[in-house]
All heavy atoms as atom14 arrays in JSON, in Angstrom:
{
  "sequence": "SIKKLIRSLNIEDHITSHGYITGEGLDVLFDLADVAIGTLGIHRK",
  "atom14_mask": [
    [1, 1, 1, 1, 1, 1, 0, 0, 0, 0, 0, 0, 0, 0],
    [1, 1, 1, 1, 1, 1, 1, 1, 0, 0, 0, 0, 0, 0],
    [1, 1, 1, 1, 1, 1, 1, 1, 1, 0, 0, 0, 0, 0],
    [1, 1, 1, 1, 1, 1, 1, 1, 1, 0, 0, 0, 0, 0],
    [1, 1, 1, 1, 1, 1, 1, 1, 0, 0, 0, 0, 0, 0],
    [1, 1, 1, 1, 1, 1, 1, 1, 0, 0, 0, 0, 0, 0],
    [1, 1, 1, 1, 1, 1, 1, 1, 1, 1, 1, 0, 0, 0],
    [1, 1, 1, 1, 1, 1, 0, 0, 0, 0, 0, 0, 0, 0],
    [1, 1, 1, 1, 1, 1, 1, 1, 0, 0, 0, 0, 0, 0],
    [1, 1, 1, 1, 1, 1, 1, 1, 0, 0, 0, 0, 0, 0],
    [1, 1, 1, 1, 1, 1, 1, 1, 0, 0, 0, 0, 0, 0],
    [1, 1, 1, 1, 1, 1, 1, 1, 1, 0, 0, 0, 0, 0],
    [1, 1, 1, 1, 1, 1, 1, 1, 0, 0, 0, 0, 0, 0],
    [1, 1, 1, 1, 1, 1, 1, 1, 1, 1, 0, 0, 0, 0],
    [1, 1, 1, 1, 1, 1, 1, 1, 0, 0, 0, 0, 0, 0],
    [1, 1, 1, 1, 1, 1, 1, 0, 0, 0, 0, 0, 0, 0],
    [1, 1, 1, 1, 1, 1, 0, 0, 0, 0, 0, 0, 0, 0],
    [1, 1, 1, 1, 1, 1, 1, 1, 1, 1, 0, 0, 0, 0],
    [1, 1, 1, 1, 0, 0, 0, 0, 0, 0, 0, 0, 0, 0],
    [1, 1, 1, 1, 1, 1, 1, 1, 1, 1, 1, 1, 0, 0],
    [1, 1, 1, 1, 1, 1, 1, 1, 0, 0, 0, 0, 0, 0],
    [1, 1, 1, 1, 1, 1, 1, 0, 0, 0, 0, 0, 0, 0],
    [1, 1, 1, 1, 0, 0, 0, 0, 0, 0, 0, 0, 0, 0],
    [1, 1, 1, 1, 1, 1, 1, 1, 1, 0, 0, 0, 0, 0],
    [1, 1, 1, 1, 0, 0, 0, 0, 0, 0, 0, 0, 0, 0],
    [1, 1, 1, 1, 1, 1, 1, 1, 0, 0, 0, 0, 0, 0],
    [1, 1, 1, 1, 1, 1, 1, 1, 0, 0, 0, 0, 0, 0],
    [1, 1, 1, 1, 1, 1, 1, 0, 0, 0, 0, 0, 0, 0],
    [1, 1, 1, 1, 1, 1, 1, 1, 0, 0, 0, 0, 0, 0],
    [1, 1, 1, 1, 1, 1, 1, 1, 1, 1, 1, 0, 0, 0],
    [1, 1, 1, 1, 1, 1, 1, 1, 0, 0, 0, 0, 0, 0],
    [1, 1, 1, 1, 1, 1, 1, 1, 0, 0, 0, 0, 0, 0],
    [1, 1, 1, 1, 1, 0, 0, 0, 0, 0, 0, 0, 0, 0],
    [1, 1, 1, 1, 1, 1, 1, 1, 0, 0, 0, 0, 0, 0],
    [1, 1, 1, 1, 1, 1, 1, 0, 0, 0, 0, 0, 0, 0],
    [1, 1, 1, 1, 1, 0, 0, 0, 0, 0, 0, 0, 0, 0],
    [1, 1, 1, 1, 1, 1, 1, 1, 0, 0, 0, 0, 0, 0],
    [1, 1, 1, 1, 0, 0, 0, 0, 0, 0, 0, 0, 0, 0],
    [1, 1, 1, 1, 1, 1, 1, 0, 0, 0, 0, 0, 0, 0],
    [1, 1, 1, 1, 1, 1, 1, 1, 0, 0, 0, 0, 0, 0],
    [1, 1, 1, 1, 0, 0, 0, 0, 0, 0, 0, 0, 0, 0],
    [1, 1, 1, 1, 1, 1, 1, 1, 0, 0, 0, 0, 0, 0],
    [1, 1, 1, 1, 1, 1, 1, 1, 1, 1, 0, 0, 0, 0],
    [1, 1, 1, 1, 1, 1, 1, 1, 1, 1, 1, 0, 0, 0],
    [1, 1, 1, 1, 1, 1, 1, 1, 1, 0, 0, 0, 0, 0]
  ],
  "atom14_positions": [
    [[59.95, -137.85, 21.58], [58.87, -137.8, 22.63], [58.68, -139.09, 23.42], [58.51, -139.0, 24.59], [57.6, -137.42, 21.92], [57.14, -138.4, 21.02], [0.0, 0.0, 0.0], [0.0, 0.0, 0.0], [0.0, 0.0, 0.0], [0.0, 0.0, 0.0], [0.0, 0.0, 0.0], [0.0, 0.0, 0.0], [0.0, 0.0, 0.0], [0.0, 0.0, 0.0]],
    [[58.93, -140.23, 22.72], [58.86, -141.49, 23.46], [60.09, -141.59, 24.42], [59.88, -142.09, 25.57], [58.85, -142.67, 22.43], [57.46, -142.69, 21.76], [59.07, -144.03, 23.19], [56.23, -143.01, 22.63], [0.0, 0.0, 0.0], [0.0, 0.0, 0.0], [0.0, 0.0, 0.0], [0.0, 0.0, 0.0], [0.0, 0.0, 0.0], [0.0, 0.0, 0.0]],
    [[61.26, -141.25, 23.96], [62.36, -141.28, 24.81], [62.22, -140.42, 26.09], [62.5, -140.81, 27.18], [63.74, -140.79, 24.1], [64.08, -141.75, 22.97], [65.35, -141.2, 22.25], [65.81, -142.12, 21.13], [66.95, -141.54, 20.4], [0.0, 0.0, 0.0], [0.0, 0.0, 0.0], [0.0, 0.0, 0.0], [0.0, 0.0, 0.0], [0.0, 0.0, 0.0]],
    [[61.63, -139.28, 25.87], [61.36, -138.36, 26.95], [60.37, -138.93, 27.95], [60.5, -138.79, 29.17], [60.87, -136.97, 26.39], [60.66, -135.95, 27.43], [60.22, -134.61, 26.84], [59.94, -133.57, 27.94], [59.48, -132.29, 27.28], [0.0, 0.0, 0.0], [0.0, 0.0, 0.0], [0.0, 0.0, 0.0], [0.0, 0.0, 0.0], [0.0, 0.0, 0.0]],
    [[59.3, -139.6, 27.38], [58.39, -140.17, 28.23], [58.92, -141.33, 29.08], [58.58, -141.48, 30.28], [57.19, -140.69, 27.42], [55.96, -141.37, 28.14], [55.35, -140.34, 29.1], [54.94, -141.82, 27.1], [0.0, 0.0, 0.0], [0.0, 0.0, 0.0], [0.0, 0.0, 0.0], [0.0, 0.0, 0.0], [0.0, 0.0, 0.0], [0.0, 0.0, 0.0]],
    [[59.77, -142.11, 28.45], [60.33, -143.26, 29.24], [61.13, -142.72, 30.38], [61.11, -143.25, 31.52], [61.3, -144.06, 28.26], [60.44, -144.83, 27.21], [62.1, -145.02, 29.05], [61.2, -145.48, 26.15], [0.0, 0.0, 0.0], [0.0, 0.0, 0.0], [0.0, 0.0, 0.0], [0.0, 0.0, 0.0], [0.0, 0.0, 0.0], [0.0, 0.0, 0.0]],
    [[61.93, -141.63, 30.17], [62.65, -141.04, 31.24], [61.8, -140.46, 32.35], [62.05, -140.68, 33.54], [63.66, -139.99, 30.68], [64.77, -140.46, 29.87], [65.81, -139.47, 29.62], [65.25, -138.27, 28.86], [65.23, -138.22, 27.56], [65.85, -139.13, 26.81], [64.77, -137.16, 26.94], [0.0, 0.0, 0.0], [0.0, 0.0, 0.0], [0.0, 0.0, 0.0]],
    [[60.71, -139.73, 31.94], [59.86, -139.09, 32.96], [59.08, -140.14, 33.74], [58.8, -139.85, 34.97], [58.89, -138.12, 32.19], [57.97, -138.89, 31.43], [0.0, 0.0, 0.0], [0.0, 0.0, 0.0], [0.0, 0.0, 0.0], [0.0, 0.0, 0.0], [0.0, 0.0, 0.0], [0.0, 0.0, 0.0], [0.0, 0.0, 0.0], [0.0, 0.0, 0.0]],
    [[58.82, -141.25, 33.12], [58.16, -142.3, 33.92], [59.09, -143.19, 34.74], [58.61, -144.02, 35.49], [57.35, -143.21, 32.97], [56.24, -142.55, 32.13], [55.58, -143.51, 31.21], [55.09, -142.15, 33.16], [0.0, 0.0, 0.0], [0.0, 0.0, 0.0], [0.0, 0.0, 0.0], [0.0, 0.0, 0.0], [0.0, 0.0, 0.0], [0.0, 0.0, 0.0]],
    [[60.36, -142.97, 34.55], [61.43, -143.74, 35.32], [61.28, -145.24, 35.11], [61.31, -146.08, 36.08], [61.26, -143.37, 36.79], [62.54, -143.8, 37.63], [63.56, -143.9, 37.02], [62.3, -144.15, 38.82], [0.0, 0.0, 0.0], [0.0, 0.0, 0.0], [0.0, 0.0, 0.0], [0.0, 0.0, 0.0], [0.0, 0.0, 0.0], [0.0, 0.0, 0.0]],
    [[61.1, -145.68, 33.85], [61.04, -147.04, 33.54], [62.16, -147.5, 32.6], [62.03, -148.48, 31.9], [59.65, -147.41, 32.92], [59.37, -146.53, 31.7], [58.55, -147.27, 33.99], [58.07, -146.9, 30.96], [0.0, 0.0, 0.0], [0.0, 0.0, 0.0], [0.0, 0.0, 0.0], [0.0, 0.0, 0.0], [0.0, 0.0, 0.0], [0.0, 0.0, 0.0]],
    [[63.26, -146.75, 32.59], [64.41, -147.04, 31.62], [64.83, -148.47, 31.82], [65.27, -149.17, 30.84], [65.54, -146.13, 31.84], [65.24, -144.64, 31.51], [64.97, -143.8, 32.77], [64.25, -144.38, 33.61], [65.42, -142.73, 32.8], [0.0, 0.0, 0.0], [0.0, 0.0, 0.0], [0.0, 0.0, 0.0], [0.0, 0.0, 0.0], [0.0, 0.0, 0.0]],
    [[64.84, -149.04, 33.01], [65.3, -150.39, 33.29], [64.46, -151.46, 32.71], [64.93, -152.61, 32.61], [65.45, -150.64, 34.85], [66.53, -149.74, 35.46], [67.4, -149.25, 34.69], [66.52, -149.62, 36.69], [0.0, 0.0, 0.0], [0.0, 0.0, 0.0], [0.0, 0.0, 0.0], [0.0, 0.0, 0.0], [0.0, 0.0, 0.0], [0.0, 0.0, 0.0]],
    [[63.25, -151.06, 32.23], [62.32, -152.08, 31.68], [62.34, -152.07, 30.15], [61.56, -152.78, 29.54], [60.97, -151.85, 32.24], [60.83, -152.07, 33.7], [60.52, -153.26, 34.28], [61.1, -151.16, 34.78], [60.53, -153.09, 35.69], [60.9, -151.89, 35.95], [0.0, 0.0, 0.0], [0.0, 0.0, 0.0], [0.0, 0.0, 0.0], [0.0, 0.0, 0.0]],
    [[63.02, -151.12, 29.55], [62.93, -150.83, 28.17], [64.29, -151.17, 27.48], [65.36, -150.69, 27.93], [62.53, -149.42, 27.82], [61.31, -148.94, 28.65], [62.31, -149.22, 26.36], [60.04, -149.67, 28.37], [0.0, 0.0, 0.0], [0.0, 0.0, 0.0], [0.0, 0.0, 0.0], [0.0, 0.0, 0.0], [0.0, 0.0, 0.0], [0.0, 0.0, 0.0]],
    [[64.19, -151.94, 26.38], [65.43, -152.14, 25.61], [65.18, -151.74, 24.2], [64.25, -152.27, 23.53], [65.85, -153.63, 25.58], [66.12, -154.03, 26.88], [67.13, -153.79, 24.79], [0.0, 0.0, 0.0], [0.0, 0.0, 0.0], [0.0, 0.0, 0.0], [0.0, 0.0, 0.0], [0.0, 0.0, 0.0], [0.0, 0.0, 0.0], [0.0, 0.0, 0.0]],
    [[65.85, -150.77, 23.69], [65.67, -150.26, 22.27], [66.79, -150.83, 21.45], [67.95, -150.71, 21.62], [65.75, -148.73, 22.2], [65.57, -148.28, 20.91], [0.0, 0.0, 0.0], [0.0, 0.0, 0.0], [0.0, 0.0, 0.0], [0.0, 0.0, 0.0], [0.0, 0.0, 0.0], [0.0, 0.0, 0.0], [0.0, 0.0, 0.0], [0.0, 0.0, 0.0]],
    [[66.34, -151.64, 20.44], [67.29, -152.35, 19.51], [67.52, -151.55, 18.23], [68.42, -152.02, 17.44], [66.74, -153.77, 19.26], [66.51, -154.63, 20.42], [67.47, -155.5, 20.9], [65.44, -154.82, 21.25], [66.98, -156.1, 21.97], [65.78, -155.72, 22.21], [0.0, 0.0, 0.0], [0.0, 0.0, 0.0], [0.0, 0.0, 0.0], [0.0, 0.0, 0.0]],
    [[66.86, -150.44, 18.03], [66.98, -149.74, 16.78], [66.28, -150.48, 15.64], [65.7, -151.55, 15.82], [0.0, 0.0, 0.0], [0.0, 0.0, 0.0], [0.0, 0.0, 0.0], [0.0, 0.0, 0.0], [0.0, 0.0, 0.0], [0.0, 0.0, 0.0], [0.0, 0.0, 0.0], [0.0, 0.0, 0.0], [0.0, 0.0, 0.0], [0.0, 0.0, 0.0]],
    [[66.52, -150.05, 14.46], [65.91, -150.69, 13.32], [66.7, -152.04, 13.06], [67.85, -152.03, 12.93], [65.97, -149.86, 12.08], [65.33, -150.46, 10.85], [63.92, -150.48, 10.77], [66.05, -151.02, 9.79], [63.37, -151.03, 9.69], [65.4, -151.54, 8.71], [64.07, -151.49, 8.65], [63.43, -152.09, 7.58], [0.0, 0.0, 0.0], [0.0, 0.0, 0.0]],
    [[65.9, -153.11, 13.13], [66.57, -154.4, 13.05], [65.76, -155.36, 12.19], [64.49, -155.3, 12.17], [66.73, -155.02, 14.47], [67.5, -156.34, 14.41], [65.4, -155.21, 15.19], [67.81, -156.89, 15.8], [0.0, 0.0, 0.0], [0.0, 0.0, 0.0], [0.0, 0.0, 0.0], [0.0, 0.0, 0.0], [0.0, 0.0, 0.0], [0.0, 0.0, 0.0]],
    [[66.37, -156.17, 11.33], [65.72, -157.1, 10.51], [66.48, -158.49, 10.55], [67.43, -158.69, 11.27], [65.75, -156.58, 9.04], [67.14, -156.49, 8.62], [65.04, -155.29, 8.91], [0.0, 0.0, 0.0], [0.0, 0.0, 0.0], [0.0, 0.0, 0.0], [0.0, 0.0, 0.0], [0.0, 0.0, 0.0], [0.0, 0.0, 0.0], [0.0, 0.0, 0.0]],
    [[65.92, -159.43, 9.74], [66.64, -160.69, 9.65], [66.7, -161.52, 10.93], [65.7, -161.52, 11.67], [0.0, 0.0, 0.0], [0.0, 0.0, 0.0], [0.0, 0.0, 0.0], [0.0, 0.0, 0.0], [0.0, 0.0, 0.0], [0.0, 0.0, 0.0], [0.0, 0.0, 0.0], [0.0, 0.0, 0.0], [0.0, 0.0, 0.0], [0.0, 0.0, 0.0]],
    [[67.73, -162.27, 11.14], [67.84, -163.22, 12.17], [67.76, -162.54, 13.58], [67.22, -163.09, 14.53], [69.13, -163.98, 12.1], [69.2, -164.95, 10.86], [70.45, -165.78, 10.86], [71.33, -165.58, 11.79], [70.6, -166.54, 9.91], [0.0, 0.0, 0.0], [0.0, 0.0, 0.0], [0.0, 0.0, 0.0], [0.0, 0.0, 0.0], [0.0, 0.0, 0.0]],
    [[68.3, -161.37, 13.63], [68.21, -160.55, 14.88], [66.79, -160.37, 15.3], [66.39, -160.44, 16.47], [0.0, 0.0, 0.0], [0.0, 0.0, 0.0], [0.0, 0.0, 0.0], [0.0, 0.0, 0.0], [0.0, 0.0, 0.0], [0.0, 0.0, 0.0], [0.0, 0.0, 0.0], [0.0, 0.0, 0.0], [0.0, 0.0, 0.0], [0.0, 0.0, 0.0]],
    [[65.99, -159.9, 14.39], [64.5, -159.75, 14.66], [63.86, -161.04, 14.93], [62.92, -161.11, 15.85], [63.79, -159.09, 13.39], [62.38, -158.69, 13.66], [62.17, -157.75, 14.81], [61.87, -157.96, 12.33], [0.0, 0.0, 0.0], [0.0, 0.0, 0.0], [0.0, 0.0, 0.0], [0.0, 0.0, 0.0], [0.0, 0.0, 0.0], [0.0, 0.0, 0.0]],
    [[64.17, -162.15, 14.3], [63.61, -163.41, 14.52], [63.79, -163.82, 15.98], [62.96, -164.38, 16.62], [64.15, -164.48, 13.58], [63.91, -164.23, 12.11], [62.97, -163.44, 11.87], [64.6, -164.73, 11.29], [0.0, 0.0, 0.0], [0.0, 0.0, 0.0], [0.0, 0.0, 0.0], [0.0, 0.0, 0.0], [0.0, 0.0, 0.0], [0.0, 0.0, 0.0]],
    [[65.05, -163.58, 16.53], [65.41, -163.9, 17.89], [64.4, -163.14, 18.91], [63.97, -163.78, 19.84], [66.82, -163.57, 18.21], [67.13, -163.72, 19.62], [67.73, -164.57, 17.38], [0.0, 0.0, 0.0], [0.0, 0.0, 0.0], [0.0, 0.0, 0.0], [0.0, 0.0, 0.0], [0.0, 0.0, 0.0], [0.0, 0.0, 0.0], [0.0, 0.0, 0.0]],
    [[64.19, -161.86, 18.53], [63.35, -161.1, 19.46], [61.94, -161.65, 19.54], [61.25, -161.77, 20.52], [63.35, -159.65, 18.98], [64.58, -158.85, 19.13], [64.42, -157.41, 18.65], [65.09, -158.84, 20.58], [0.0, 0.0, 0.0], [0.0, 0.0, 0.0], [0.0, 0.0, 0.0], [0.0, 0.0, 0.0], [0.0, 0.0, 0.0], [0.0, 0.0, 0.0]],
    [[61.43, -162.08, 18.37], [60.12, -162.74, 18.32], [60.11, -163.99, 19.18], [59.08, -164.23, 19.87], [59.68, -162.99, 16.87], [58.96, -161.77, 16.21], [59.62, -161.04, 15.29], [57.62, -161.56, 16.55], [58.96, -159.94, 14.71], [56.97, -160.46, 15.95], [57.61, -159.66, 14.99], [0.0, 0.0, 0.0], [0.0, 0.0, 0.0], [0.0, 0.0, 0.0]],
    [[61.12, -164.76, 18.98], [61.17, -166.09, 19.75], [61.18, -165.84, 21.2], [60.71, -166.67, 21.98], [62.36, -166.88, 19.31], [62.26, -167.48, 17.91], [61.08, -167.47, 17.4], [63.23, -167.85, 17.24], [0.0, 0.0, 0.0], [0.0, 0.0, 0.0], [0.0, 0.0, 0.0], [0.0, 0.0, 0.0], [0.0, 0.0, 0.0], [0.0, 0.0, 0.0]],
    [[61.83, -164.77, 21.65], [61.92, -164.48, 23.13], [60.68, -163.81, 23.68], [60.55, -163.69, 24.87], [63.16, -163.69, 23.39], [64.52, -164.34, 23.16], [65.65, -163.29, 23.32], [64.7, -165.49, 24.05], [0.0, 0.0, 0.0], [0.0, 0.0, 0.0], [0.0, 0.0, 0.0], [0.0, 0.0, 0.0], [0.0, 0.0, 0.0], [0.0, 0.0, 0.0]],
    [[59.8, -163.27, 22.8], [58.66, -162.45, 23.32], [57.48, -163.29, 23.6], [57.28, -164.42, 23.04], [58.36, -161.35, 22.25], [0.0, 0.0, 0.0], [0.0, 0.0, 0.0], [0.0, 0.0, 0.0], [0.0, 0.0, 0.0], [0.0, 0.0, 0.0], [0.0, 0.0, 0.0], [0.0, 0.0, 0.0], [0.0, 0.0, 0.0], [0.0, 0.0, 0.0]],
    [[56.65, -162.77, 24.52], [55.4, -163.45, 24.82], [54.19, -162.81, 24.09], [53.3, -163.54, 23.59], [55.11, -163.29, 26.33], [56.18, -163.94, 27.2], [56.36, -165.1, 27.15], [56.92, -163.17, 27.88], [0.0, 0.0, 0.0], [0.0, 0.0, 0.0], [0.0, 0.0, 0.0], [0.0, 0.0, 0.0], [0.0, 0.0, 0.0], [0.0, 0.0, 0.0]],
    [[54.27, -161.45, 24.0], [53.11, -160.8, 23.37], [53.71, -159.54, 22.51], [54.71, -158.9, 22.98], [52.13, -160.22, 24.5], [51.06, -159.3, 23.79], [51.59, -161.31, 25.36], [0.0, 0.0, 0.0], [0.0, 0.0, 0.0], [0.0, 0.0, 0.0], [0.0, 0.0, 0.0], [0.0, 0.0, 0.0], [0.0, 0.0, 0.0], [0.0, 0.0, 0.0]],
    [[53.13, -159.33, 21.38], [53.57, -158.26, 20.58], [52.55, -157.01, 20.68], [51.41, -157.23, 20.97], [53.62, -158.69, 19.1], [0.0, 0.0, 0.0], [0.0, 0.0, 0.0], [0.0, 0.0, 0.0], [0.0, 0.0, 0.0], [0.0, 0.0, 0.0], [0.0, 0.0, 0.0], [0.0, 0.0, 0.0], [0.0, 0.0, 0.0], [0.0, 0.0, 0.0]],
    [[53.12, -155.82, 20.42], [52.28, -154.64, 20.49], [51.89, -154.14, 19.09], [52.8, -153.9, 18.28], [53.17, -153.49, 21.2], [53.72, -154.01, 22.54], [52.23, -152.25, 21.37], [52.67, -154.38, 23.51], [0.0, 0.0, 0.0], [0.0, 0.0, 0.0], [0.0, 0.0, 0.0], [0.0, 0.0, 0.0], [0.0, 0.0, 0.0], [0.0, 0.0, 0.0]],
    [[50.59, -154.13, 18.89], [50.07, -153.57, 17.69], [49.86, -152.07, 17.76], [50.31, -151.38, 18.67], [0.0, 0.0, 0.0], [0.0, 0.0, 0.0], [0.0, 0.0, 0.0], [0.0, 0.0, 0.0], [0.0, 0.0, 0.0], [0.0, 0.0, 0.0], [0.0, 0.0, 0.0], [0.0, 0.0, 0.0], [0.0, 0.0, 0.0], [0.0, 0.0, 0.0]],
    [[48.98, -151.54, 16.86], [48.65, -150.15, 16.93], [47.66, -149.84, 17.92], [46.61, -150.45, 17.99], [48.17, -149.7, 15.44], [49.26, -149.98, 14.48], [47.87, -148.2, 15.45], [0.0, 0.0, 0.0], [0.0, 0.0, 0.0], [0.0, 0.0, 0.0], [0.0, 0.0, 0.0], [0.0, 0.0, 0.0], [0.0, 0.0, 0.0], [0.0, 0.0, 0.0]],
    [[47.94, -148.86, 18.76], [47.07, -148.55, 19.96], [46.56, -147.11, 19.95], [45.97, -146.64, 20.97], [47.79, -148.83, 21.19], [48.19, -150.24, 21.45], [49.1, -150.46, 22.6], [46.99, -151.2, 21.54], [0.0, 0.0, 0.0], [0.0, 0.0, 0.0], [0.0, 0.0, 0.0], [0.0, 0.0, 0.0], [0.0, 0.0, 0.0], [0.0, 0.0, 0.0]],
    [[46.78, -146.42, 18.89], [46.4, -144.94, 18.8], [45.74, -144.63, 17.49], [45.74, -143.4, 17.04], [0.0, 0.0, 0.0], [0.0, 0.0, 0.0], [0.0, 0.0, 0.0], [0.0, 0.0, 0.0], [0.0, 0.0, 0.0], [0.0, 0.0, 0.0], [0.0, 0.0, 0.0], [0.0, 0.0, 0.0], [0.0, 0.0, 0.0], [0.0, 0.0, 0.0]],
    [[45.08, -145.6, 16.73], [44.54, -145.29, 15.46], [43.34, -144.3, 15.6], [43.02, -143.63, 14.63], [44.23, -146.6, 14.76], [44.2, -146.43, 13.23], [42.84, -147.12, 15.25], [44.23, -147.74, 12.48], [0.0, 0.0, 0.0], [0.0, 0.0, 0.0], [0.0, 0.0, 0.0], [0.0, 0.0, 0.0], [0.0, 0.0, 0.0], [0.0, 0.0, 0.0]],
    [[42.74, -144.27, 16.79], [41.68, -143.34, 17.01], [42.11, -141.92, 16.92], [41.28, -140.97, 16.64], [41.03, -143.62, 18.34], [41.95, -143.43, 19.53], [42.85, -144.45, 19.93], [42.22, -142.44, 20.32], [43.52, -144.05, 20.93], [43.15, -142.76, 21.29], [0.0, 0.0, 0.0], [0.0, 0.0, 0.0], [0.0, 0.0, 0.0], [0.0, 0.0, 0.0]],
    [[43.44, -141.67, 17.09], [44.0, -140.31, 16.92], [43.89, -139.84, 15.51], [44.06, -138.69, 15.23], [45.39, -140.28, 17.47], [45.44, -140.66, 18.97], [46.91, -140.86, 19.46], [46.95, -141.21, 20.9], [47.96, -141.6, 21.51], [49.07, -141.79, 20.91], [47.91, -141.87, 22.86], [0.0, 0.0, 0.0], [0.0, 0.0, 0.0], [0.0, 0.0, 0.0]],
    [[43.81, -140.77, 14.58], [43.58, -140.36, 13.16], [42.11, -140.43, 12.79], [41.81, -140.45, 11.62], [44.36, -141.41, 12.32], [45.83, -141.47, 12.47], [46.48, -142.63, 11.85], [46.59, -142.48, 10.35], [47.38, -143.54, 9.7], [0.0, 0.0, 0.0], [0.0, 0.0, 0.0], [0.0, 0.0, 0.0], [0.0, 0.0, 0.0], [0.0, 0.0, 0.0]]
  ]
}
């Protein structure tokens, strides 16, 4: 559903999906990021 939404919004050029990643690869992503995304739909539960 998220993949479909990305396509429908035409924002593929702004999204990079790295798949499930741990270790040093994940550390690099954190170092390059400015802001992290937490849970934004907990009201749905």
